């Protein structure tokens, strides 16, 4: 069942981005700007840029606005999406960005990426996946972060019972999967913010991986 869900989700994302490239539809989650909660986190946290040897990765980067923003903050940034049409759209939208946009599958990541990034940005990717894939997806996000590194998670927030999806906003129990996968929480906030999708309540969570891992 999980393999079927994986194939269906992958094909679904590619279909959406390919149709958008042909002008046949819009992309429902495309803000045409960096996520405002990500901007706010950078303003507060001021993470050190790649001049200190630090690398960042953006999970499920879509059309690349968040990744281009992270790169502008001075981070050596990799951004990936499972949909080739999304990666092509990101390259076309951000031709001058220093971010590297690549096609990759969160559930079968390149081995050399594991533990390779000091900053991992996960925005609304896990919540867009079927429930059968969530645990594996969270574990793979966690595997990207280097010892002592930071993971930032932004997702729509939901209480039980679950609404119809996709996307499916995350409950706190689901969000806690990042802790169960080995991260320590720095701050986990539920914030109200209109204008970043159909949901008003959002998780803004910051985690860290122990330096000794």
N, C-alpha and C. Protein backbone atom coordinates (compact mmCIF):
# COMPACT_ATOMS: atom_id res chain seq x y z
N UNK A 1 0.82 -1.21 0.00
CA UNK A 1 0.00 0.00 0.00
C UNK A 1 0.86 1.26 0.00
N UNK A 2 1.93 1.27 0.83
CA UNK A 2 2.79 2.45 0.89
C UNK A 2 3.44 2.74 -0.46
N UNK A 3 3.88 1.66 -1.15
CA UNK A 3 4.50 1.86 -2.46
C UNK A 3 3.50 2.43 -3.46
N UNK A 4 2.27 1.94 -3.40
CA UNK A 4 1.24 2.47 -4.29
C UNK A 4 0.97 3.94 -3.98
N UNK A 5 0.91 4.27 -2.69
CA UNK A 5 0.68 5.66 -2.29
C UNK A 5 1.82 6.55 -2.75
N UNK A 6 3.04 6.02 -2.70
CA UNK A 6 4.21 6.77 -3.12
C UNK A 6 4.14 7.08 -4.61
N UNK A 7 3.85 6.06 -5.41
CA UNK A 7 3.75 6.27 -6.85
C UNK A 7 2.63 7.24 -7.21
N UNK A 8 1.50 7.10 -6.53
CA UNK A 8 0.37 7.97 -6.82
C UNK A 8 0.68 9.41 -6.45
N UNK A 9 1.30 9.62 -5.28
CA UNK A 9 1.65 10.97 -4.87
C UNK A 9 2.66 11.60 -5.82
N UNK A 10 3.68 10.82 -6.22
CA UNK A 10 4.70 11.34 -7.13
C UNK A 10 4.09 11.76 -8.46
N UNK A 11 3.25 10.90 -9.00
CA UNK A 11 2.61 11.21 -10.28
C UNK A 11 1.69 12.42 -10.14
N UNK A 12 1.03 12.53 -9.00
CA UNK A 12 0.12 13.64 -8.79
C UNK A 12 0.84 14.98 -8.77
N UNK A 13 1.97 15.04 -8.10
CA UNK A 13 2.73 16.29 -8.05
C UNK A 13 3.23 16.68 -9.44
N UNK A 14 3.77 15.72 -10.16
CA UNK A 14 4.28 16.01 -11.50
C UNK A 14 3.15 16.50 -12.41
N UNK A 15 2.00 15.88 -12.29
CA UNK A 15 0.86 16.29 -13.11
C UNK A 15 0.48 17.73 -12.85
N UNK A 16 0.45 18.12 -11.58
CA UNK A 16 0.07 19.50 -11.22
C UNK A 16 1.06 20.50 -11.80
N UNK A 17 2.35 20.24 -11.62
CA UNK A 17 3.36 21.20 -12.10
C UNK A 17 3.43 21.21 -13.63
N UNK A 18 3.26 20.05 -14.25
CA UNK A 18 3.29 20.00 -15.71
C UNK A 18 2.10 20.75 -16.31
N UNK A 19 0.92 20.58 -15.72
CA UNK A 19 -0.25 21.31 -16.20
C UNK A 19 -0.08 22.81 -15.99
N UNK A 20 0.52 23.19 -14.87
CA UNK A 20 0.76 24.62 -14.62
C UNK A 20 1.72 25.19 -15.66
N UNK A 21 2.72 24.42 -16.05
CA UNK A 21 3.67 24.89 -17.06
C UNK A 21 3.00 25.12 -18.40
N UNK A 22 1.95 24.35 -18.68
CA UNK A 22 1.21 24.52 -19.92
C UNK A 22 0.13 25.59 -19.81
N UNK A 23 -0.01 26.18 -18.63
CA UNK A 23 -1.03 27.19 -18.44
C UNK A 23 -2.41 26.63 -18.24
N UNK A 24 -2.50 25.31 -17.95
CA UNK A 24 -3.80 24.66 -17.82
C UNK A 24 -4.40 24.77 -16.43
N UNK A 25 -3.57 25.15 -15.46
CA UNK A 25 -4.06 25.28 -14.09
C UNK A 25 -3.05 26.06 -13.27
N UNK A 26 -3.47 26.49 -12.09
CA UNK A 26 -2.54 27.10 -11.16
C UNK A 26 -2.03 26.06 -10.17
N UNK A 27 -1.07 26.47 -9.36
CA UNK A 27 -0.52 25.61 -8.31
C UNK A 27 -1.09 26.11 -6.99
N UNK A 28 -1.96 25.34 -6.34
CA UNK A 28 -2.71 25.87 -5.19
C UNK A 28 -1.84 26.41 -4.06
N UNK A 29 -0.68 25.82 -3.84
CA UNK A 29 0.17 26.20 -2.70
C UNK A 29 1.28 27.18 -3.09
N UNK A 30 1.30 27.63 -4.32
CA UNK A 30 2.36 28.54 -4.77
C UNK A 30 2.04 29.96 -4.32
N UNK A 31 2.85 30.49 -3.41
CA UNK A 31 2.64 31.84 -2.90
C UNK A 31 3.28 32.90 -3.78
N UNK A 32 4.13 32.51 -4.72
CA UNK A 32 4.90 33.44 -5.55
C UNK A 32 5.76 34.36 -4.68
N UNK A 33 6.17 33.86 -3.53
CA UNK A 33 7.00 34.61 -2.58
C UNK A 33 7.46 33.63 -1.51
N UNK A 34 8.52 33.95 -0.79
CA UNK A 34 8.92 33.08 0.32
C UNK A 34 7.82 33.03 1.38
N UNK A 35 7.75 31.90 2.05
CA UNK A 35 6.78 31.76 3.13
C UNK A 35 7.06 32.80 4.22
N UNK A 36 6.07 33.60 4.60
CA UNK A 36 6.32 34.66 5.59
C UNK A 36 6.78 34.13 6.95
N UNK A 37 6.37 32.93 7.32
CA UNK A 37 6.84 32.37 8.58
C UNK A 37 8.33 32.03 8.51
N UNK A 38 8.79 31.63 7.35
CA UNK A 38 10.23 31.38 7.17
C UNK A 38 11.01 32.68 7.26
N UNK A 39 10.50 33.72 6.63
CA UNK A 39 11.16 35.03 6.73
C UNK A 39 11.25 35.47 8.18
N UNK A 40 10.14 35.32 8.91
CA UNK A 40 10.14 35.70 10.32
C UNK A 40 11.13 34.91 11.14
N UNK A 41 11.24 33.60 10.84
CA UNK A 41 12.19 32.78 11.60
C UNK A 41 13.62 33.26 11.33
N UNK A 42 13.95 33.54 10.09
CA UNK A 42 15.29 34.04 9.79
C UNK A 42 15.56 35.36 10.50
N UNK A 43 14.57 36.23 10.55
CA UNK A 43 14.76 37.51 11.22
C UNK A 43 15.10 37.32 12.69
N UNK A 44 14.47 36.33 13.33
CA UNK A 44 14.69 36.10 14.76
C UNK A 44 15.94 35.27 15.02
N UNK A 45 16.13 34.22 14.24
CA UNK A 45 17.20 33.26 14.54
C UNK A 45 18.55 33.67 13.98
N UNK A 46 18.54 34.41 12.87
CA UNK A 46 19.79 34.87 12.23
C UNK A 46 20.82 33.76 12.15
N UNK A 47 20.50 32.63 11.49
CA UNK A 47 21.46 31.53 11.40
C UNK A 47 22.70 31.93 10.61
N UNK A 48 23.82 31.35 10.99
CA UNK A 48 25.09 31.70 10.36
C UNK A 48 25.10 31.24 8.90
N UNK A 49 25.61 32.05 7.98
CA UNK A 49 25.64 31.69 6.56
C UNK A 49 26.81 30.77 6.23
N UNK A 50 26.91 30.47 4.94
CA UNK A 50 27.90 29.48 4.51
C UNK A 50 29.33 29.98 4.59
N UNK A 51 29.52 31.24 4.91
CA UNK A 51 30.88 31.72 5.11
C UNK A 51 31.54 30.98 6.27
N UNK A 52 30.71 30.39 7.13
CA UNK A 52 31.21 29.57 8.22
C UNK A 52 31.18 28.08 7.86
N UNK A 53 31.05 27.78 6.57
CA UNK A 53 31.04 26.40 6.12
C UNK A 53 29.70 25.72 6.26
N UNK A 54 28.63 26.48 6.40
CA UNK A 54 27.31 25.90 6.64
C UNK A 54 26.54 25.72 5.33
N UNK A 55 25.77 24.62 5.27
CA UNK A 55 24.98 24.30 4.09
C UNK A 55 23.51 24.17 4.48
N UNK A 56 22.63 24.53 3.56
CA UNK A 56 21.19 24.43 3.77
C UNK A 56 20.56 23.59 2.68
N UNK A 57 19.43 22.95 3.02
CA UNK A 57 18.65 22.22 2.03
C UNK A 57 17.18 22.50 2.26
N UNK A 58 16.44 22.66 1.16
CA UNK A 58 15.01 22.90 1.21
C UNK A 58 14.31 21.68 0.63
N UNK A 59 13.45 21.08 1.44
CA UNK A 59 12.75 19.84 1.09
C UNK A 59 11.49 20.20 0.30
N UNK A 60 11.24 19.45 -0.79
CA UNK A 60 10.03 19.68 -1.56
C UNK A 60 9.90 21.13 -1.99
N UNK A 61 10.90 21.63 -2.69
CA UNK A 61 11.06 23.07 -2.90
C UNK A 61 10.07 23.68 -3.88
N UNK A 62 9.36 22.86 -4.66
CA UNK A 62 8.38 23.41 -5.58
C UNK A 62 9.00 24.40 -6.55
N UNK A 63 8.37 25.58 -6.68
CA UNK A 63 8.86 26.58 -7.63
C UNK A 63 9.99 27.43 -7.08
N UNK A 64 10.50 27.10 -5.90
CA UNK A 64 11.80 27.60 -5.48
C UNK A 64 11.85 28.92 -4.74
N UNK A 65 10.72 29.52 -4.38
CA UNK A 65 10.77 30.82 -3.72
C UNK A 65 11.45 30.76 -2.36
N UNK A 66 11.15 29.72 -1.59
CA UNK A 66 11.78 29.59 -0.27
C UNK A 66 13.28 29.34 -0.41
N UNK A 67 13.65 28.48 -1.35
CA UNK A 67 15.06 28.17 -1.54
C UNK A 67 15.84 29.39 -2.00
N UNK A 68 15.28 30.16 -2.92
CA UNK A 68 15.96 31.36 -3.38
C UNK A 68 16.14 32.35 -2.24
N UNK A 69 15.15 32.43 -1.35
CA UNK A 69 15.27 33.30 -0.18
C UNK A 69 16.39 32.83 0.74
N UNK A 70 16.43 31.53 1.02
CA UNK A 70 17.49 31.00 1.88
C UNK A 70 18.86 31.28 1.28
N UNK A 71 18.99 31.10 -0.03
CA UNK A 71 20.27 31.37 -0.69
C UNK A 71 20.65 32.84 -0.57
N UNK A 72 19.66 33.73 -0.65
CA UNK A 72 19.96 35.17 -0.53
C UNK A 72 20.46 35.54 0.86
N UNK A 73 20.18 34.71 1.84
CA UNK A 73 20.68 34.97 3.19
C UNK A 73 22.14 34.56 3.34
N UNK A 74 22.73 34.03 2.26
CA UNK A 74 24.14 33.69 2.26
C UNK A 74 24.43 32.22 2.49
N UNK A 75 23.41 31.38 2.46
CA UNK A 75 23.62 29.96 2.66
C UNK A 75 23.88 29.23 1.34
N UNK A 76 24.79 28.29 1.36
CA UNK A 76 25.00 27.40 0.23
C UNK A 76 23.82 26.44 0.20
N UNK A 77 22.90 26.63 -0.73
CA UNK A 77 21.58 26.02 -0.66
C UNK A 77 21.33 25.01 -1.76
N UNK A 78 20.90 23.83 -1.35
CA UNK A 78 20.38 22.81 -2.25
C UNK A 78 18.87 22.76 -2.08
N UNK A 79 18.13 22.63 -3.17
CA UNK A 79 16.68 22.55 -3.10
C UNK A 79 16.22 21.43 -4.02
N UNK A 80 15.35 20.57 -3.52
CA UNK A 80 14.93 19.45 -4.36
C UNK A 80 13.42 19.27 -4.34
N UNK A 81 12.94 18.65 -5.41
CA UNK A 81 11.53 18.28 -5.52
C UNK A 81 11.45 17.00 -6.32
N UNK A 82 10.42 16.21 -6.05
CA UNK A 82 10.26 14.96 -6.77
C UNK A 82 9.74 15.17 -8.18
N UNK A 83 9.11 16.32 -8.43
CA UNK A 83 8.50 16.60 -9.73
C UNK A 83 9.49 17.32 -10.64
N UNK A 84 9.92 16.71 -11.74
CA UNK A 84 10.84 17.40 -12.65
C UNK A 84 10.29 18.73 -13.15
N UNK A 85 8.98 18.81 -13.37
CA UNK A 85 8.40 20.07 -13.84
C UNK A 85 8.49 21.17 -12.79
N UNK A 86 8.46 20.80 -11.52
CA UNK A 86 8.64 21.78 -10.45
C UNK A 86 10.06 22.32 -10.45
N UNK A 87 11.03 21.44 -10.61
CA UNK A 87 12.43 21.86 -10.63
C UNK A 87 12.70 22.76 -11.83
N UNK A 88 12.14 22.42 -12.97
CA UNK A 88 12.31 23.27 -14.15
C UNK A 88 11.68 24.64 -13.92
N UNK A 89 10.51 24.66 -13.29
CA UNK A 89 9.85 25.94 -13.00
C UNK A 89 10.67 26.77 -12.03
N UNK A 90 11.30 26.12 -11.04
CA UNK A 90 12.13 26.85 -10.09
C UNK A 90 13.35 27.47 -10.78
N UNK A 91 13.96 26.71 -11.67
CA UNK A 91 15.12 27.24 -12.39
C UNK A 91 14.73 28.42 -13.29
N UNK A 92 13.56 28.32 -13.90
CA UNK A 92 13.10 29.41 -14.77
C UNK A 92 12.71 30.64 -13.95
N UNK A 93 12.11 30.43 -12.79
CA UNK A 93 11.68 31.56 -11.98
C UNK A 93 12.85 32.26 -11.30
N UNK A 94 13.91 31.51 -11.01
CA UNK A 94 15.04 32.07 -10.26
C UNK A 94 16.35 31.83 -11.01
N UNK A 95 16.49 32.38 -12.21
CA UNK A 95 17.67 32.08 -13.03
C UNK A 95 18.97 32.59 -12.43
N UNK A 96 18.89 33.61 -11.58
CA UNK A 96 20.10 34.19 -11.02
C UNK A 96 20.39 33.71 -9.60
N UNK A 97 19.57 32.82 -9.08
CA UNK A 97 19.77 32.35 -7.71
C UNK A 97 20.99 31.44 -7.63
N UNK A 98 21.66 31.49 -6.50
CA UNK A 98 22.78 30.58 -6.26
C UNK A 98 22.30 29.23 -5.75
N UNK A 99 21.01 29.10 -5.47
CA UNK A 99 20.47 27.81 -5.03
C UNK A 99 20.61 26.78 -6.15
N UNK A 100 20.91 25.56 -5.77
CA UNK A 100 20.99 24.45 -6.73
C UNK A 100 19.67 23.70 -6.68
N UNK A 101 18.92 23.71 -7.78
CA UNK A 101 17.63 23.04 -7.86
C UNK A 101 17.80 21.68 -8.54
N UNK A 102 17.42 20.62 -7.84
CA UNK A 102 17.63 19.27 -8.36
C UNK A 102 16.39 18.42 -8.15
N UNK A 103 16.25 17.38 -8.98
CA UNK A 103 15.18 16.41 -8.83
C UNK A 103 15.64 15.31 -7.88
N UNK A 104 14.86 15.07 -6.85
CA UNK A 104 15.17 14.00 -5.90
C UNK A 104 13.90 13.60 -5.17
N UNK A 105 13.89 12.37 -4.68
CA UNK A 105 12.75 11.80 -3.97
C UNK A 105 13.10 11.75 -2.49
N UNK A 106 12.28 12.37 -1.65
CA UNK A 106 12.54 12.40 -0.21
C UNK A 106 12.70 11.00 0.37
N UNK A 107 12.01 10.02 -0.17
CA UNK A 107 12.05 8.68 0.39
C UNK A 107 13.20 7.83 -0.14
N UNK A 108 13.93 8.34 -1.13
CA UNK A 108 15.12 7.64 -1.65
C UNK A 108 16.21 8.67 -1.93
N UNK A 109 16.65 9.34 -0.92
CA UNK A 109 17.62 10.42 -1.07
C UNK A 109 19.02 9.89 -1.36
N UNK A 110 19.84 10.71 -2.04
CA UNK A 110 21.24 10.31 -2.23
C UNK A 110 21.94 10.08 -0.90
N UNK A 111 22.69 9.03 -0.82
CA UNK A 111 23.37 8.70 0.43
C UNK A 111 24.28 9.80 0.94
N UNK A 112 24.91 10.53 0.01
CA UNK A 112 25.86 11.56 0.43
C UNK A 112 25.17 12.76 1.07
N UNK A 113 23.86 12.86 0.96
CA UNK A 113 23.14 13.95 1.60
C UNK A 113 22.91 13.71 3.08
N UNK A 114 22.99 12.49 3.52
CA UNK A 114 22.65 12.19 4.90
C UNK A 114 23.65 12.84 5.86
N UNK A 115 23.12 13.59 6.79
CA UNK A 115 23.97 14.29 7.75
C UNK A 115 24.78 15.40 7.15
N UNK A 116 24.38 15.88 5.96
CA UNK A 116 25.22 16.82 5.23
C UNK A 116 24.82 18.28 5.32
N UNK A 117 23.76 18.61 6.07
CA UNK A 117 23.25 19.97 6.04
C UNK A 117 23.06 20.53 7.45
N UNK A 118 23.53 21.75 7.61
CA UNK A 118 23.43 22.41 8.91
C UNK A 118 22.05 23.03 9.13
N UNK A 119 21.34 23.30 8.04
CA UNK A 119 20.00 23.86 8.12
C UNK A 119 19.10 23.12 7.14
N UNK A 120 18.03 22.53 7.65
CA UNK A 120 17.07 21.79 6.83
C UNK A 120 15.72 22.51 6.94
N UNK A 121 15.15 22.87 5.81
CA UNK A 121 13.87 23.59 5.78
C UNK A 121 12.81 22.65 5.20
N UNK A 122 11.78 22.37 5.98
CA UNK A 122 10.68 21.50 5.53
C UNK A 122 9.38 22.28 5.64
N UNK A 123 8.83 22.70 4.51
CA UNK A 123 7.61 23.51 4.50
C UNK A 123 6.52 22.77 3.74
N UNK A 124 5.52 22.28 4.45
CA UNK A 124 4.30 21.71 3.90
C UNK A 124 4.53 20.53 2.96
N UNK A 125 5.64 19.83 3.11
CA UNK A 125 5.87 18.64 2.30
C UNK A 125 5.28 17.41 2.97
N UNK A 126 5.64 17.19 4.23
CA UNK A 126 5.11 16.03 4.95
C UNK A 126 3.59 16.05 4.96
N UNK A 127 2.99 17.22 5.17
CA UNK A 127 1.54 17.29 5.26
C UNK A 127 0.84 16.99 3.94
N UNK A 128 1.58 17.07 2.85
CA UNK A 128 0.98 16.80 1.54
C UNK A 128 1.02 15.33 1.16
N UNK A 129 1.65 14.51 2.00
CA UNK A 129 1.82 13.09 1.70
C UNK A 129 0.74 12.25 2.37
N UNK A 130 0.39 11.11 1.77
CA UNK A 130 -0.56 10.20 2.42
C UNK A 130 -0.05 9.75 3.78
N UNK A 131 -0.98 9.37 4.64
CA UNK A 131 -0.61 8.98 6.00
C UNK A 131 0.37 7.83 6.03
N UNK A 132 0.27 6.93 5.07
CA UNK A 132 1.14 5.76 5.05
C UNK A 132 2.60 6.11 4.84
N UNK A 133 2.87 7.32 4.33
CA UNK A 133 4.25 7.73 4.03
C UNK A 133 4.82 8.69 5.06
N UNK A 134 4.00 9.17 5.98
CA UNK A 134 4.42 10.24 6.88
C UNK A 134 5.64 9.87 7.74
N UNK A 135 5.58 8.73 8.38
CA UNK A 135 6.65 8.36 9.30
C UNK A 135 7.98 8.24 8.57
N UNK A 136 7.97 7.60 7.41
CA UNK A 136 9.20 7.47 6.63
C UNK A 136 9.69 8.83 6.15
N UNK A 137 8.77 9.71 5.75
CA UNK A 137 9.16 11.03 5.27
C UNK A 137 9.82 11.85 6.37
N UNK A 138 9.24 11.82 7.56
CA UNK A 138 9.83 12.56 8.68
C UNK A 138 11.22 12.02 8.99
N UNK A 139 11.36 10.71 9.00
CA UNK A 139 12.67 10.12 9.30
C UNK A 139 13.71 10.55 8.26
N UNK A 140 13.32 10.63 7.00
CA UNK A 140 14.28 11.05 5.98
C UNK A 140 14.65 12.53 6.10
N UNK A 141 13.70 13.37 6.47
CA UNK A 141 14.02 14.78 6.73
C UNK A 141 15.06 14.88 7.83
N UNK A 142 14.86 14.12 8.89
CA UNK A 142 15.78 14.15 10.03
C UNK A 142 17.17 13.66 9.62
N UNK A 143 17.24 12.70 8.75
CA UNK A 143 18.54 12.15 8.34
C UNK A 143 19.37 13.16 7.55
N UNK A 144 18.75 14.19 7.02
CA UNK A 144 19.49 15.20 6.27
C UNK A 144 20.36 16.09 7.16
N UNK A 145 19.97 16.28 8.41
CA UNK A 145 20.60 17.31 9.24
C UNK A 145 21.91 16.80 9.85
N UNK A 146 22.90 17.67 9.83
CA UNK A 146 24.21 17.35 10.41
C UNK A 146 24.15 17.42 11.93
N UNK A 147 25.06 16.75 12.62
CA UNK A 147 25.14 16.90 14.07
C UNK A 147 25.28 18.38 14.45
N UNK A 148 24.46 18.80 15.39
CA UNK A 148 24.46 20.20 15.80
C UNK A 148 23.63 21.10 14.91
N UNK A 149 23.02 20.53 13.87
CA UNK A 149 22.26 21.32 12.91
C UNK A 149 20.83 21.58 13.34
N UNK A 150 20.14 22.35 12.50
CA UNK A 150 18.79 22.83 12.79
C UNK A 150 17.82 22.37 11.70
N UNK A 151 16.62 21.99 12.13
CA UNK A 151 15.52 21.69 11.22
C UNK A 151 14.38 22.65 11.52
N UNK A 152 13.88 23.31 10.49
CA UNK A 152 12.72 24.20 10.62
C UNK A 152 11.56 23.56 9.88
N UNK A 153 10.43 23.40 10.57
CA UNK A 153 9.23 22.78 9.98
C UNK A 153 8.10 23.79 10.02
N UNK A 154 7.48 24.03 8.87
CA UNK A 154 6.31 24.89 8.77
C UNK A 154 5.20 24.07 8.11
N UNK A 155 4.05 24.00 8.76
CA UNK A 155 2.95 23.20 8.24
C UNK A 155 1.64 23.75 8.76
N UNK A 156 0.58 23.53 8.02
CA UNK A 156 -0.75 23.86 8.53
C UNK A 156 -1.02 23.00 9.75
N UNK A 157 -1.71 23.58 10.72
CA UNK A 157 -2.01 22.88 11.98
C UNK A 157 -3.46 22.44 12.00
N UNK A 158 -3.69 21.28 12.59
CA UNK A 158 -5.05 20.74 12.65
C UNK A 158 -5.30 20.11 14.00
N UNK A 159 -6.54 20.15 14.44
CA UNK A 159 -7.01 19.38 15.57
C UNK A 159 -7.77 18.18 15.02
N UNK A 160 -7.99 17.17 15.86
CA UNK A 160 -8.81 16.05 15.44
C UNK A 160 -10.27 16.47 15.48
N UNK A 161 -11.16 15.92 14.64
CA UNK A 161 -10.84 14.93 13.61
C UNK A 161 -10.19 15.56 12.39
N UNK A 162 -9.49 14.77 11.63
CA UNK A 162 -8.80 15.24 10.45
C UNK A 162 -9.78 15.68 9.37
N UNK A 163 -9.46 16.78 8.72
CA UNK A 163 -10.28 17.23 7.60
C UNK A 163 -9.92 16.45 6.35
N UNK A 164 -10.75 16.59 5.33
CA UNK A 164 -10.45 15.92 4.07
C UNK A 164 -9.22 16.56 3.42
N UNK A 165 -8.46 15.77 2.70
CA UNK A 165 -7.29 16.29 2.02
C UNK A 165 -7.07 15.57 0.69
N UNK A 166 -5.93 15.71 0.06
CA UNK A 166 -4.78 16.50 0.51
C UNK A 166 -4.94 17.99 0.24
N UNK A 167 -4.12 18.83 0.89
CA UNK A 167 -3.18 18.44 1.95
C UNK A 167 -3.90 18.16 3.26
N UNK A 168 -3.18 17.49 4.14
CA UNK A 168 -3.74 17.18 5.44
C UNK A 168 -2.94 17.92 6.51
N UNK A 169 -3.49 18.94 7.13
CA UNK A 169 -2.75 19.64 8.19
C UNK A 169 -2.30 18.68 9.28
N UNK A 170 -1.17 18.97 9.88
CA UNK A 170 -0.59 18.07 10.87
C UNK A 170 -1.18 18.32 12.26
N UNK A 171 -1.45 17.25 12.97
CA UNK A 171 -1.78 17.36 14.38
C UNK A 171 -0.48 17.48 15.17
N UNK A 172 -0.59 17.86 16.42
CA UNK A 172 0.62 17.96 17.26
C UNK A 172 1.27 16.58 17.42
N UNK A 173 0.46 15.55 17.51
CA UNK A 173 1.02 14.20 17.64
C UNK A 173 1.86 13.84 16.43
N UNK A 174 1.40 14.23 15.25
CA UNK A 174 2.17 13.95 14.04
C UNK A 174 3.45 14.79 14.01
N UNK A 175 3.34 16.04 14.39
CA UNK A 175 4.52 16.90 14.42
C UNK A 175 5.57 16.36 15.38
N UNK A 176 5.13 15.76 16.46
CA UNK A 176 6.07 15.20 17.43
C UNK A 176 6.87 14.05 16.86
N UNK A 177 6.51 13.60 15.65
CA UNK A 177 7.31 12.58 14.99
C UNK A 177 8.75 13.01 14.76
N UNK A 178 8.98 14.32 14.65
CA UNK A 178 10.35 14.79 14.47
C UNK A 178 11.18 14.55 15.73
N UNK A 179 10.55 14.63 16.88
CA UNK A 179 11.24 14.30 18.12
C UNK A 179 11.48 12.79 18.21
N UNK A 180 10.46 12.02 17.86
CA UNK A 180 10.61 10.57 17.92
C UNK A 180 11.70 10.08 16.98
N UNK A 181 11.94 10.85 15.91
CA UNK A 181 12.99 10.48 14.95
C UNK A 181 14.38 10.92 15.39
N UNK A 182 14.47 11.59 16.54
CA UNK A 182 15.79 11.88 17.10
C UNK A 182 16.16 13.32 17.29
N UNK A 183 15.24 14.26 17.01
CA UNK A 183 15.55 15.67 17.18
C UNK A 183 15.07 16.19 18.54
N UNK A 184 15.71 17.25 19.00
CA UNK A 184 15.29 17.92 20.23
C UNK A 184 14.58 19.22 19.87
N UNK A 185 13.41 19.48 20.45
CA UNK A 185 12.70 20.72 20.12
C UNK A 185 13.37 21.94 20.73
N UNK A 186 13.46 22.99 19.93
CA UNK A 186 13.90 24.29 20.42
C UNK A 186 12.69 25.17 20.70
N UNK A 187 11.75 25.19 19.76
CA UNK A 187 10.49 25.93 19.91
C UNK A 187 9.46 25.31 18.99
N UNK A 188 8.27 25.07 19.51
CA UNK A 188 7.17 24.55 18.71
C UNK A 188 5.96 25.44 18.97
N UNK A 189 5.61 26.24 17.99
CA UNK A 189 4.54 27.23 18.16
C UNK A 189 3.43 27.00 17.15
N UNK A 190 2.21 27.22 17.59
CA UNK A 190 1.08 27.23 16.69
C UNK A 190 0.67 28.69 16.53
N UNK A 191 0.77 29.20 15.31
CA UNK A 191 0.55 30.63 15.08
C UNK A 191 -0.60 30.82 14.09
N UNK A 192 -1.29 31.92 14.24
CA UNK A 192 -2.38 32.27 13.33
C UNK A 192 -1.82 33.22 12.29
N UNK A 193 -1.97 32.84 11.02
CA UNK A 193 -1.45 33.69 9.96
C UNK A 193 -2.27 33.47 8.70
N UNK A 194 -3.00 34.46 8.26
CA UNK A 194 -3.73 34.39 7.00
C UNK A 194 -2.78 34.63 5.84
N UNK A 195 -3.21 34.23 4.67
CA UNK A 195 -2.48 34.58 3.46
C UNK A 195 -1.40 33.62 3.04
N UNK A 196 -1.27 32.48 3.71
CA UNK A 196 -0.26 31.50 3.30
C UNK A 196 -0.92 30.15 3.05
N UNK A 197 -2.05 30.19 2.36
CA UNK A 197 -2.76 28.98 2.03
C UNK A 197 -4.16 28.99 2.60
N UNK A 198 -4.89 27.90 2.44
CA UNK A 198 -6.28 27.87 2.87
C UNK A 198 -6.48 27.73 4.37
N UNK A 199 -5.40 27.51 5.11
CA UNK A 199 -5.51 27.29 6.56
C UNK A 199 -4.94 28.48 7.31
N UNK A 200 -5.58 28.82 8.42
CA UNK A 200 -5.16 30.00 9.17
C UNK A 200 -4.16 29.68 10.27
N UNK A 201 -4.21 28.47 10.80
CA UNK A 201 -3.31 28.09 11.90
C UNK A 201 -2.16 27.27 11.34
N UNK A 202 -0.96 27.58 11.80
CA UNK A 202 0.24 26.93 11.26
C UNK A 202 1.20 26.58 12.39
N UNK A 203 1.88 25.45 12.19
CA UNK A 203 3.00 25.11 13.05
C UNK A 203 4.26 25.81 12.56
N UNK A 204 5.00 26.38 13.47
CA UNK A 204 6.35 26.87 13.20
C UNK A 204 7.23 26.23 14.26
N UNK A 205 7.98 25.24 13.85
CA UNK A 205 8.75 24.44 14.79
C UNK A 205 10.23 24.45 14.43
N UNK A 206 11.04 24.56 15.43
CA UNK A 206 12.49 24.50 15.26
C UNK A 206 13.03 23.36 16.12
N UNK A 207 13.86 22.53 15.50
CA UNK A 207 14.47 21.40 16.19
C UNK A 207 15.98 21.43 15.97
N UNK A 208 16.68 20.71 16.82
CA UNK A 208 18.11 20.58 16.65
C UNK A 208 18.53 19.14 16.84
N UNK A 209 19.61 18.80 16.19
CA UNK A 209 20.20 17.47 16.36
C UNK A 209 21.41 17.59 17.25
N UNK A 210 21.56 16.69 18.18
CA UNK A 210 22.67 16.76 19.12
C UNK A 210 24.00 16.77 18.38
N UNK A 211 24.93 17.57 18.88
CA UNK A 211 26.22 17.70 18.22
C UNK A 211 27.02 16.40 18.26
N UNK A 212 26.69 15.52 19.19
CA UNK A 212 27.44 14.27 19.34
C UNK A 212 26.88 13.13 18.53
N UNK A 213 25.74 13.35 17.82
CA UNK A 213 25.14 12.28 17.03
C UNK A 213 26.06 11.86 15.88
